[in-house]
C-alpha atoms as a PDB file:
ATOM      1  CA  MET A   1     -21.695 -27.648 -28.223  1.00  0.00           C
ATOM      2  CA  LEU A   2     -20.511 -28.605 -24.643  1.00  0.00           C
ATOM      3  CA  PHE A   3     -16.928 -29.722 -26.274  1.00  0.00           C
ATOM      4  CA  LYS A   4     -16.486 -26.452 -28.130  1.00  0.00           C
ATOM      5  CA  ILE A   5     -17.341 -24.068 -25.502  1.00  0.00           C
ATOM      6  CA  ALA A   6     -15.545 -25.881 -23.355  1.00  0.00           C
ATOM      7  CA  LEU A   7     -11.878 -25.753 -25.426  1.00  0.00           C
ATOM      8  CA  VAL A   8     -12.614 -22.115 -26.453  1.00  0.00           C
ATOM      9  CA  MET A   9     -12.796 -21.222 -22.417  1.00  0.00           C
ATOM     10  CA  ALA A  10      -9.649 -23.038 -21.803  1.00  0.00           C
ATOM     11  CA  ALA A  11      -8.047 -20.993 -24.422  1.00  0.00           C
ATOM     12  CA  PHE A  12      -9.186 -18.080 -22.776  1.00  0.00           C
ATOM     13  CA  ALA A  13      -7.676 -18.980 -19.692  1.00  0.00           C
ATOM     14  CA  ALA A  14      -4.336 -20.112 -21.457  1.00  0.00           C
ATOM     15  CA  ASN A  15      -4.315 -16.634 -22.862  1.00  0.00           C
ATOM     16  CA  SER A  16      -4.185 -15.051 -19.274  1.00  0.00           C
ATOM     17  CA  VAL A  17      -1.436 -17.872 -18.181  1.00  0.00           C
ATOM     18  CA  LEU A  18       0.561 -17.436 -20.964  1.00  0.00           C
ATOM     19  CA  CYS A  19       0.849 -13.414 -20.759  1.00  0.00           C
ATOM     20  CA  ARG A  20       1.155 -13.466 -17.212  1.00  0.00           C
ATOM     21  CA  LEU A  21       4.141 -15.960 -17.525  1.00  0.00           C
ATOM     22  CA  ALA A  22       5.735 -13.295 -19.963  1.00  0.00           C
ATOM     23  CA  LEU A  23       5.271 -10.321 -18.109  1.00  0.00           C
ATOM     24  CA  ALA A  24       6.210 -11.163 -14.838  1.00  0.00           C
ATOM     25  CA  GLY A  25       8.968 -13.208 -15.628  1.00  0.00           C
ATOM     26  CA  GLU A  26      10.078  -9.919 -17.689  1.00  0.00           C
ATOM     27  CA  HIS A  27      10.276 -12.107 -21.011  1.00  0.00           C
ATOM     28  CA  ILE A  28       9.007  -9.406 -23.356  1.00  0.00           C
ATOM     29  CA  ASP A  29       7.011  -6.015 -22.608  1.00  0.00           C
ATOM     30  CA  PRO A  30       3.293  -5.232 -23.120  1.00  0.00           C
ATOM     31  CA  MET A  31       3.463  -3.768 -26.440  1.00  0.00           C
ATOM     32  CA  THR A  32       5.745  -6.090 -28.285  1.00  0.00           C
ATOM     33  CA  PHE A  33       3.651  -9.043 -26.689  1.00  0.00           C
ATOM     34  CA  SER A  34       0.373  -7.421 -27.673  1.00  0.00           C
ATOM     35  CA  LEU A  35       1.807  -6.779 -31.588  1.00  0.00           C
ATOM     36  CA  VAL A  36       3.757 -10.392 -31.773  1.00  0.00           C
ATOM     37  CA  ARG A  37      -0.042 -11.597 -30.479  1.00  0.00           C
ATOM     38  CA  VAL A  38      -2.253 -10.277 -33.182  1.00  0.00           C
ATOM     39  CA  GLY A  39       0.409 -10.554 -35.910  1.00  0.00           C
ATOM     40  CA  SER A  40       1.121 -14.350 -35.630  1.00  0.00           C
ATOM     41  CA  SER A  41      -2.622 -14.785 -35.029  1.00  0.00           C
ATOM     42  CA  ALA A  42      -3.476 -12.820 -38.481  1.00  0.00           C
ATOM     43  CA  VAL A  43      -0.500 -15.290 -40.167  1.00  0.00           C
ATOM     44  CA  VAL A  44      -2.021 -18.159 -38.556  1.00  0.00           C
ATOM     45  CA  LEU A  45      -5.552 -17.578 -39.656  1.00  0.00           C
ATOM     46  CA  LEU A  46      -4.371 -16.501 -43.186  1.00  0.00           C
ATOM     47  CA  GLY A  47      -3.247 -20.189 -43.343  1.00  0.00           C
ATOM     48  CA  LEU A  48      -6.791 -21.290 -42.270  1.00  0.00           C
ATOM     49  CA  PHE A  49      -8.627 -19.361 -44.148  1.00  0.00           C
ATOM     50  CA  LEU A  50      -6.673 -20.278 -47.718  1.00  0.00           C
ATOM     51  CA  TYR A  51      -6.865 -24.078 -46.472  1.00  0.00           C
ATOM     52  CA  SER A  52     -10.809 -23.820 -45.667  1.00  0.00           C
ATOM     53  CA  LYS A  53     -11.629 -21.709 -48.582  1.00  0.00           C
ATOM     54  CA  SER A  54     -14.861 -22.173 -50.490  1.00  0.00           C
ATOM     55  CA  SER A  55     -17.096 -20.435 -53.245  1.00  0.00           C
ATOM     56  CA  GLN A  56     -18.905 -19.281 -50.101  1.00  0.00           C
ATOM     57  CA  ALA A  57     -16.001 -18.193 -48.189  1.00  0.00           C
ATOM     58  CA  GLU A  58     -15.222 -14.403 -47.896  1.00  0.00           C
ATOM     59  CA  VAL A  59     -13.083 -11.972 -45.731  1.00  0.00           C
ATOM     60  CA  GLN A  60     -15.814  -9.341 -44.053  1.00  0.00           C
ATOM     61  CA  TRP A  61     -13.798  -6.450 -43.002  1.00  0.00           C
ATOM     62  CA  ASN A  62     -15.002  -4.554 -40.234  1.00  0.00           C
ATOM     63  CA  LEU A  63     -13.041  -1.466 -38.922  1.00  0.00           C
ATOM     64  CA  LYS A  64     -15.141  -1.370 -35.442  1.00  0.00           C
ATOM     65  CA  ASN A  65     -14.762  -4.741 -34.891  1.00  0.00           C
ATOM     66  CA  ALA A  66     -10.736  -4.462 -35.336  1.00  0.00           C
ATOM     67  CA  LEU A  67     -10.889  -1.576 -33.046  1.00  0.00           C
ATOM     68  CA  PHE A  68     -12.636  -3.565 -30.198  1.00  0.00           C
ATOM     69  CA  LEU A  69      -9.803  -6.587 -30.598  1.00  0.00           C
ATOM     70  CA  ALA A  70      -6.913  -4.209 -30.580  1.00  0.00           C
ATOM     71  CA  VAL A  71      -8.322  -2.370 -27.400  1.00  0.00           C
ATOM     72  CA  TYR A  72      -8.776  -5.547 -25.843  1.00  0.00           C
ATOM     73  CA  ILE A  73      -5.772  -6.930 -26.694  1.00  0.00           C
ATOM     74  CA  LEU A  74      -3.416  -3.625 -26.077  1.00  0.00           C
ATOM     75  CA  ALA A  75      -5.501  -3.340 -22.923  1.00  0.00           C
ATOM     76  CA  PHE A  76      -4.958  -7.190 -21.819  1.00  0.00           C
ATOM     77  CA  SER A  77      -1.396  -7.206 -21.861  1.00  0.00           C
ATOM     78  CA  TYR A  78      -0.365  -4.087 -19.846  1.00  0.00           C
ATOM     79  CA  ALA A  79      -2.629  -5.140 -17.097  1.00  0.00           C
ATOM     80  CA  TYR A  80      -1.115  -8.234 -16.619  1.00  0.00           C
ATOM     81  CA  LEU A  81       2.304  -6.261 -15.658  1.00  0.00           C
ATOM     82  CA  GLN A  82       0.491  -5.849 -12.243  1.00  0.00           C
ATOM     83  CA  ILE A  83      -2.573  -8.132 -12.143  1.00  0.00           C
ATOM     84  CA  ASP A  84      -2.185 -11.748 -11.088  1.00  0.00           C
ATOM     85  CA  ALA A  85      -3.700 -14.204 -13.754  1.00  0.00           C
ATOM     86  CA  GLY A  86      -7.086 -15.416 -11.884  1.00  0.00           C
ATOM     87  CA  ILE A  87      -7.606 -11.681 -10.720  1.00  0.00           C
ATOM     88  CA  GLY A  88      -7.105 -10.277 -14.437  1.00  0.00           C
ATOM     89  CA  ALA A  89      -9.386 -13.247 -15.491  1.00  0.00           C
ATOM     90  CA  LEU A  90     -11.973 -12.288 -12.867  1.00  0.00           C
ATOM     91  CA  LEU A  91     -12.174  -8.454 -13.716  1.00  0.00           C
ATOM     92  CA  LEU A  92     -11.833  -8.879 -17.096  1.00  0.00           C
ATOM     93  CA  PHE A  93     -14.736 -11.406 -17.764  1.00  0.00           C
ATOM     94  CA  GLY A  94     -16.786 -10.505 -15.048  1.00  0.00           C
ATOM     95  CA  VAL A  95     -16.938  -7.211 -16.947  1.00  0.00           C
ATOM     96  CA  VAL A  96     -18.027  -9.005 -20.291  1.00  0.00           C
ATOM     97  CA  GLN A  97     -20.391 -11.062 -18.332  1.00  0.00           C
ATOM     98  CA  LEU A  98     -22.670  -8.111 -16.971  1.00  0.00           C
ATOM     99  CA  THR A  99     -21.760  -5.824 -20.098  1.00  0.00           C
ATOM    100  CA  MET A 100     -23.631  -8.619 -22.169  1.00  0.00           C
ATOM    101  CA  VAL A 101     -26.460  -9.582 -20.034  1.00  0.00           C
ATOM    102  CA  LEU A 102     -27.330  -6.131 -19.357  1.00  0.00           C
ATOM    103  CA  TYR A 103     -27.010  -5.556 -23.488  1.00  0.00           C
ATOM    104  CA  GLY A 104     -29.090  -8.932 -24.066  1.00  0.00           C
ATOM    105  CA  TYR A 105     -31.834  -7.783 -21.784  1.00  0.00           C
ATOM    106  CA  SER A 106     -32.009  -4.387 -23.287  1.00  0.00           C
ATOM    107  CA  GLN A 107     -32.398  -6.184 -26.568  1.00  0.00           C
ATOM    108  CA  GLY A 108     -35.411  -8.524 -25.382  1.00  0.00           C
ATOM    109  CA  GLU A 109     -33.715 -11.580 -23.910  1.00  0.00           C
ATOM    110  CA  GLN A 110     -35.450 -13.155 -21.000  1.00  0.00           C
ATOM    111  CA  ILE A 111     -33.151 -14.649 -18.481  1.00  0.00           C
ATOM    112  CA  GLY A 112     -36.068 -16.479 -16.487  1.00  0.00           C
ATOM    113  CA  ILE A 113     -35.886 -17.785 -12.219  1.00  0.00           C
ATOM    114  CA  TYR A 114     -33.980 -20.520 -12.990  1.00  0.00           C
ATOM    115  CA  ARG A 115     -30.928 -19.085 -15.312  1.00  0.00           C
ATOM    116  CA  GLY A 116     -31.009 -16.040 -12.384  1.00  0.00           C
ATOM    117  CA  ILE A 117     -30.291 -18.500 -10.494  1.00  0.00           C
ATOM    118  CA  GLY A 118     -27.687 -20.022 -12.342  1.00  0.00           C
ATOM    119  CA  LEU A 119     -25.816 -16.624 -12.766  1.00  0.00           C
ATOM    120  CA  GLY A 120     -26.271 -15.855  -9.365  1.00  0.00           C
ATOM    121  CA  ILE A 121     -24.224 -19.369  -7.892  1.00  0.00           C
ATOM    122  CA  ALA A 122     -21.906 -18.470 -11.041  1.00  0.00           C
ATOM    123  CA  LEU A 123     -21.053 -15.117  -9.730  1.00  0.00           C
ATOM    124  CA  ALA A 124     -21.303 -16.279  -6.053  1.00  0.00           C
ATOM    125  CA  GLY A 125     -18.844 -18.897  -6.994  1.00  0.00           C
ATOM    126  CA  ILE A 126     -16.279 -16.125  -8.861  1.00  0.00           C
ATOM    127  CA  ILE A 127     -16.389 -13.904  -5.375  1.00  0.00           C
ATOM    128  CA  VAL A 128     -15.546 -16.869  -3.249  1.00  0.00           C
ATOM    129  CA  LEU A 129     -13.140 -18.035  -5.633  1.00  0.00           C
ATOM    130  CA  LEU A 130     -11.167 -14.911  -5.611  1.00  0.00           C
ATOM    131  CA  LEU A 131     -12.420 -12.036  -2.883  1.00  0.00           C
ATOM    132  CA  PRO A 132     -11.686 -13.575   0.516  1.00  0.00           C
ATOM    133  CA  GLY A 133      -7.948 -13.611   0.946  1.00  0.00           C
ATOM    134  CA  ALA A 134      -6.624 -12.297  -2.830  1.00  0.00           C
ATOM    135  CA  GLN A 135      -4.454  -9.462  -2.768  1.00  0.00           C
ATOM    136  CA  ALA A 136      -6.337  -6.189  -4.046  1.00  0.00           C
ATOM    137  CA  PRO A 137      -5.209  -5.344  -7.547  1.00  0.00           C
ATOM    138  CA  ASP A 138      -3.491  -1.675  -8.414  1.00  0.00           C
ATOM    139  CA  TRP A 139      -6.580   0.111  -9.206  1.00  0.00           C
ATOM    140  CA  GLU A 140      -5.045   1.995 -12.246  1.00  0.00           C
ATOM    141  CA  TYR A 141      -4.298  -1.528 -13.373  1.00  0.00           C
ATOM    142  CA  ALA A 142      -7.451  -2.794 -12.718  1.00  0.00           C
ATOM    143  CA  LEU A 143      -9.557  -0.460 -14.601  1.00  0.00           C
ATOM    144  CA  ILE A 144      -6.663  -0.980 -17.438  1.00  0.00           C
ATOM    145  CA  MET A 145      -8.495  -4.257 -17.377  1.00  0.00           C
ATOM    146  CA  VAL A 146     -11.954  -3.115 -17.017  1.00  0.00           C
ATOM    147  CA  MET A 147     -11.520  -1.440 -20.345  1.00  0.00           C
ATOM    148  CA  SER A 148     -10.177  -4.269 -22.086  1.00  0.00           C
ATOM    149  CA  GLY A 149     -13.266  -6.399 -20.810  1.00  0.00           C
ATOM    150  CA  LEU A 150     -15.525  -3.811 -22.388  1.00  0.00           C
ATOM    151  CA  ALA A 151     -14.014  -4.253 -25.288  1.00  0.00           C
ATOM    152  CA  TRP A 152     -14.144  -8.021 -25.126  1.00  0.00           C
ATOM    153  CA  ALA A 153     -17.532  -7.662 -25.042  1.00  0.00           C
ATOM    154  CA  GLY A 154     -18.082  -5.049 -27.678  1.00  0.00           C
ATOM    155  CA  TYR A 155     -16.543  -8.127 -29.948  1.00  0.00           C
ATOM    156  CA  SER A 156     -18.560 -10.693 -28.442  1.00  0.00           C
ATOM    157  CA  ILE A 157     -21.558  -9.223 -29.355  1.00  0.00           C
ATOM    158  CA  ALA A 158     -20.457  -7.960 -32.856  1.00  0.00           C
ATOM    159  CA  GLY A 159     -19.686 -11.484 -33.453  1.00  0.00           C
ATOM    160  CA  ARG A 160     -23.130 -12.602 -33.348  1.00  0.00           C
ATOM    161  CA  ASN A 161     -23.729 -10.777 -36.863  1.00  0.00           C
ATOM    162  CA  MET A 162     -20.836 -12.359 -38.562  1.00  0.00           C
ATOM    163  CA  THR A 163     -21.812 -15.106 -41.213  1.00  0.00           C
ATOM    164  CA  GLN A 164     -17.746 -16.228 -41.733  1.00  0.00           C
ATOM    165  CA  PRO A 165     -16.583 -17.128 -38.777  1.00  0.00           C
ATOM    166  CA  ILE A 166     -12.766 -17.441 -40.490  1.00  0.00           C
ATOM    167  CA  GLY A 167     -12.838 -14.673 -42.966  1.00  0.00           C
ATOM    168  CA  SER A 168     -14.516 -12.227 -40.221  1.00  0.00           C
ATOM    169  CA  THR A 169     -11.734 -13.165 -37.645  1.00  0.00           C
ATOM    170  CA  LEU A 170      -8.739 -12.889 -40.170  1.00  0.00           C
ATOM    171  CA  ALA A 171     -10.343  -9.694 -41.359  1.00  0.00           C
ATOM    172  CA  ASN A 172     -10.564  -8.807 -37.484  1.00  0.00           C
ATOM    173  CA  PHE A 173      -6.626  -9.718 -36.908  1.00  0.00           C
ATOM    174  CA  THR A 174      -4.977  -7.951 -40.047  1.00  0.00           C
ATOM    175  CA  LEU A 175      -6.800  -4.292 -39.600  1.00  0.00           C
ATOM    176  CA  ALA A 176      -6.204  -5.086 -35.760  1.00  0.00           C
ATOM    177  CA  VAL A 177      -2.018  -5.802 -36.478  1.00  0.00           C
ATOM    178  CA  PRO A 178      -1.549  -1.597 -38.000  1.00  0.00           C
ATOM    179  CA  ILE A 179      -3.486  -0.335 -34.742  1.00  0.00           C
ATOM    180  CA  VAL A 180      -1.633  -2.365 -32.470  1.00  0.00           C
ATOM    181  CA  LEU A 181       1.829  -1.212 -34.428  1.00  0.00           C
ATOM    182  CA  LEU A 182       0.474   2.370 -34.112  1.00  0.00           C
ATOM    183  CA  ALA A 183       0.228   2.043 -30.458  1.00  0.00           C
ATOM    184  CA  ASN A 184       3.642   0.588 -30.247  1.00  0.00           C
ATOM    185  CA  ILE A 185       5.380   3.738 -31.738  1.00  0.00           C
ATOM    186  CA  LEU A 186       3.493   6.243 -30.230  1.00  0.00           C
ATOM    187  CA  LEU A 187       3.411   4.836 -26.616  1.00  0.00           C
ATOM    188  CA  ALA A 188       7.094   4.712 -26.573  1.00  0.00           C
ATOM    189  CA  GLU A 189       8.774   2.428 -23.443  1.00  0.00           C
ATOM    190  CA  ASP A 190      11.529   0.039 -22.807  1.00  0.00           C
ATOM    191  CA  ARG A 191      11.342  -2.792 -25.394  1.00  0.00           C
ATOM    192  CA  TYR A 192      12.742  -6.063 -24.480  1.00  0.00           C
ATOM    193  CA  ILE A 193      12.067  -9.593 -25.608  1.00  0.00           C
ATOM    194  CA  ASP A 194      13.924 -13.091 -25.068  1.00  0.00           C
ATOM    195  CA  LEU A 195      13.296 -16.411 -26.544  1.00  0.00           C
ATOM    196  CA  GLN A 196      10.767 -17.788 -24.154  1.00  0.00           C
ATOM    197  CA  GLY A 197       8.974 -13.667 -24.749  1.00  0.00           C
ATOM    198  CA  TRP A 198       8.896 -15.129 -28.309  1.00  0.00           C
ATOM    199  CA  THR A 199       7.896 -18.043 -27.387  1.00  0.00           C
ATOM    200  CA  LEU A 200       4.725 -17.283 -25.191  1.00  0.00           C
ATOM    201  CA  ALA A 201       3.483 -14.501 -27.536  1.00  0.00           C
ATOM    202  CA  ILE A 202       3.558 -16.383 -30.294  1.00  0.00           C
ATOM    203  CA  LEU A 203       1.743 -19.552 -28.342  1.00  0.00           C
ATOM    204  CA  SER A 204      -0.928 -16.495 -27.327  1.00  0.00           C
ATOM    205  CA  GLY A 205      -1.215 -15.387 -30.786  1.00  0.00           C
ATOM    206  CA  GLY A 206      -0.788 -18.330 -32.867  1.00  0.00           C
ATOM    207  CA  VAL A 207      -2.607 -21.002 -31.128  1.00  0.00           C
ATOM    208  CA  THR A 208      -4.776 -19.848 -28.074  1.00  0.00           C
ATOM    209  CA  SER A 209      -5.931 -16.647 -29.552  1.00  0.00           C
ATOM    210  CA  SER A 210      -6.880 -17.696 -33.693  1.00  0.00           C
ATOM    211  CA  GLY A 211      -8.371 -20.804 -33.671  1.00  0.00           C
ATOM    212  CA  ALA A 212     -10.061 -20.501 -30.769  1.00  0.00           C
ATOM    213  CA  TYR A 213     -11.475 -16.683 -31.609  1.00  0.00           C
ATOM    214  CA  VAL A 214     -13.189 -18.716 -34.906  1.00  0.00           C
ATOM    215  CA  LEU A 215     -14.526 -21.164 -32.881  1.00  0.00           C
ATOM    216  CA  TRP A 216     -15.850 -18.843 -30.678  1.00  0.00           C
ATOM    217  CA  TYR A 217     -17.671 -16.238 -33.515  1.00  0.00           C
ATOM    218  CA  ALA A 218     -18.995 -20.004 -35.029  1.00  0.00           C
ATOM    219  CA  ILE A 219     -20.434 -20.694 -31.179  1.00  0.00           C
ATOM    220  CA  LEU A 220     -21.982 -16.890 -30.728  1.00  0.00           C
ATOM    221  CA  LYS A 221     -24.311 -17.448 -33.841  1.00  0.00           C
ATOM    222  CA  HIS A 222     -26.076 -20.286 -31.833  1.00  0.00           C
ATOM    223  CA  ILE A 223     -26.257 -18.908 -28.281  1.00  0.00           C
ATOM    224  CA  ASP A 224     -28.166 -16.245 -26.679  1.00  0.00           C
ATOM    225  CA  ARG A 225     -25.938 -13.381 -25.194  1.00  0.00           C
ATOM    226  CA  VAL A 226     -26.860 -14.746 -21.398  1.00  0.00           C
ATOM    227  CA  THR A 227     -25.527 -17.768 -22.329  1.00  0.00           C
ATOM    228  CA  ALA A 228     -22.130 -16.645 -24.154  1.00  0.00           C
ATOM    229  CA  SER A 229     -21.368 -13.978 -21.119  1.00  0.00           C
ATOM    230  CA  THR A 230     -22.062 -16.945 -18.598  1.00  0.00           C
ATOM    231  CA  VAL A 231     -19.795 -19.741 -19.735  1.00  0.00           C
ATOM    232  CA  GLN A 232     -16.853 -17.032 -19.781  1.00  0.00           C
ATOM    233  CA  LEU A 233     -17.212 -16.706 -15.601  1.00  0.00           C
ATOM    234  CA  SER A 234     -15.787 -20.526 -15.935  1.00  0.00           C
ATOM    235  CA  VAL A 235     -12.590 -19.003 -17.427  1.00  0.00           C
ATOM    236  CA  PRO A 236     -11.146 -17.314 -13.964  1.00  0.00           C
ATOM    237  CA  CYS A 237     -11.357 -20.621 -12.355  1.00  0.00           C
ATOM    238  CA  LEU A 238      -9.390 -22.448 -15.192  1.00  0.00           C
ATOM    239  CA  ALA A 239      -6.974 -19.682 -15.294  1.00  0.00           C
ATOM    240  CA  ILE A 240      -6.365 -19.956 -11.272  1.00  0.00           C
ATOM    241  CA  ILE A 241      -5.810 -24.043 -12.472  1.00  0.00           C
ATOM    242  CA  GLY A 242      -3.253 -22.650 -14.815  1.00  0.00           C
ATOM    243  CA  GLY A 243      -1.854 -20.382 -12.340  1.00  0.00           C
ATOM    244  CA  SER A 244      -1.339 -23.471 -10.039  1.00  0.00           C
ATOM    245  CA  LEU A 245      -0.021 -25.818 -12.790  1.00  0.00           C
ATOM    246  CA  PHE A 246       2.708 -23.807 -14.342  1.00  0.00           C
ATOM    247  CA  VAL A 247       3.327 -20.874 -11.318  1.00  0.00           C
ATOM    248  CA  ASN A 248       3.081 -23.404  -8.435  1.00  0.00           C
ATOM    249  CA  GLU A 249       0.255 -21.785  -7.079  1.00  0.00           C
ATOM    250  CA  ALA A 250      -1.710 -24.072  -4.225  1.00  0.00           C
ATOM    251  CA  VAL A 251      -4.576 -25.057  -5.064  1.00  0.00           C
ATOM    252  CA  THR A 252      -7.056 -24.952  -2.002  1.00  0.00           C
ATOM    253  CA  GLY A 253     -10.507 -26.548  -0.951  1.00  0.00           C
ATOM    254  CA  ARG A 254     -12.121 -23.163  -1.486  1.00  0.00           C
ATOM    255  CA  VAL A 255     -11.005 -22.811  -5.201  1.00  0.00           C
ATOM    256  CA  ILE A 256     -12.199 -26.558  -5.789  1.00  0.00           C
ATOM    257  CA  LEU A 257     -15.564 -25.219  -4.215  1.00  0.00           C
ATOM    258  CA  SER A 258     -15.864 -22.049  -5.957  1.00  0.00           C
ATOM    259  CA  SER A 259     -14.981 -23.836  -8.995  1.00  0.00           C
ATOM    260  CA  PHE A 260     -18.027 -26.226  -8.737  1.00  0.00           C
ATOM    261  CA  MET A 261     -20.116 -23.206  -7.984  1.00  0.00           C
ATOM    262  CA  VAL A 262     -19.272 -21.616 -11.527  1.00  0.00           C
ATOM    263  CA  LEU A 263     -19.431 -24.854 -13.355  1.00  0.00           C
ATOM    264  CA  PHE A 264     -22.731 -25.850 -11.602  1.00  0.00           C
ATOM    265  CA  GLY A 265     -24.292 -22.294 -12.578  1.00  0.00           C
ATOM    266  CA  ILE A 266     -23.171 -22.197 -16.418  1.00  0.00           C
ATOM    267  CA  LEU A 267     -24.696 -25.398 -16.291  1.00  0.00           C
ATOM    268  CA  LEU A 268     -28.467 -24.316 -15.529  1.00  0.00           C
ATOM    269  CA  VAL A 269     -27.559 -21.272 -17.946  1.00  0.00           C
ATOM    270  CA  ILE A 270     -26.991 -23.798 -20.571  1.00  0.00           C
ATOM    271  CA  TYR A 271     -29.721 -26.263 -20.151  1.00  0.00           C
ATOM    272  CA  VAL A 272     -32.070 -24.601 -19.018  1.00  0.00           C
ATOM    273  CA  ARG A 273     -34.555 -22.985 -22.097  1.00  0.00           C
ATOM    274  CA  PRO A 274     -34.896 -19.431 -22.217  1.00  0.00           C
ATOM    275  CA  GLN A 275     -38.051 -17.804 -22.764  1.00  0.00           C
ATOM    276  CA  LYS A 276     -38.355 -16.537 -26.283  1.00  0.00           C
ATOM    277  CA  ALA A 277     -36.926 -12.905 -26.911  1.00  0.00           C
ATOM    278  CA  LYS A 278     -39.608  -9.992 -28.205  1.00  0.00           C
ATOM    279  CA  ASN A 279     -37.031  -9.159 -30.737  1.00  0.00           C
ATOM    280  CA  ALA A 280     -34.698 -10.813 -32.718  1.00  0.00           C
END
């Protein structure tokens, strides 16, 4: 389970780095990036579904989940026009973490003292990682990323009720395609794309989104909301590392310390057995 979680978190971080590389380098506009990403994801997921299809496999259509997914992808892409990969990941998954913990608590999930300590350490690590010395993001784009985080939290919460990870994810991306296409039509702006833009968007959709989201839906059935939200706090750390590798950003001692704090906090949340929930 730990390996699967680590693989998904790495893919989530890769999405931030790929999107930032594409938009910051002006290889593609955010609306086109979103459309290519969701379209390539749907194509790859269809192939995965047909390859793994069994007598029990089925496509589970859910318009609400598709709307969550489309809003997340559109806001995510647009926000990264002006926000660095690490700061964007902090805003995104910080909102996800708070939303899922609060929702889980409202449903009777207990945090407990040790898991609470783990949450605190992880959050403190995020603060140490990004706030001191970090350039404050543009508030308008920050709010757009917060919107993306709320949509992703809703998508993750809904994923616990999905019994067919591949079929559900295929349905969500398929339904999201016309929604994102409509947004491209209504939100008229300059369109531009080059070969690198195509490549980065397809990688984001066909590789780091499609397979990772199927695996994430499968994992969500086996972990509670507090754990699901907390492990995602590793993504900003991984996005910083990805930025240093691919955008030549310096990795300081502060980054190393903060990453250790976040990962240690996550391990506490994962390994400490939660109290029995009041409601299923």
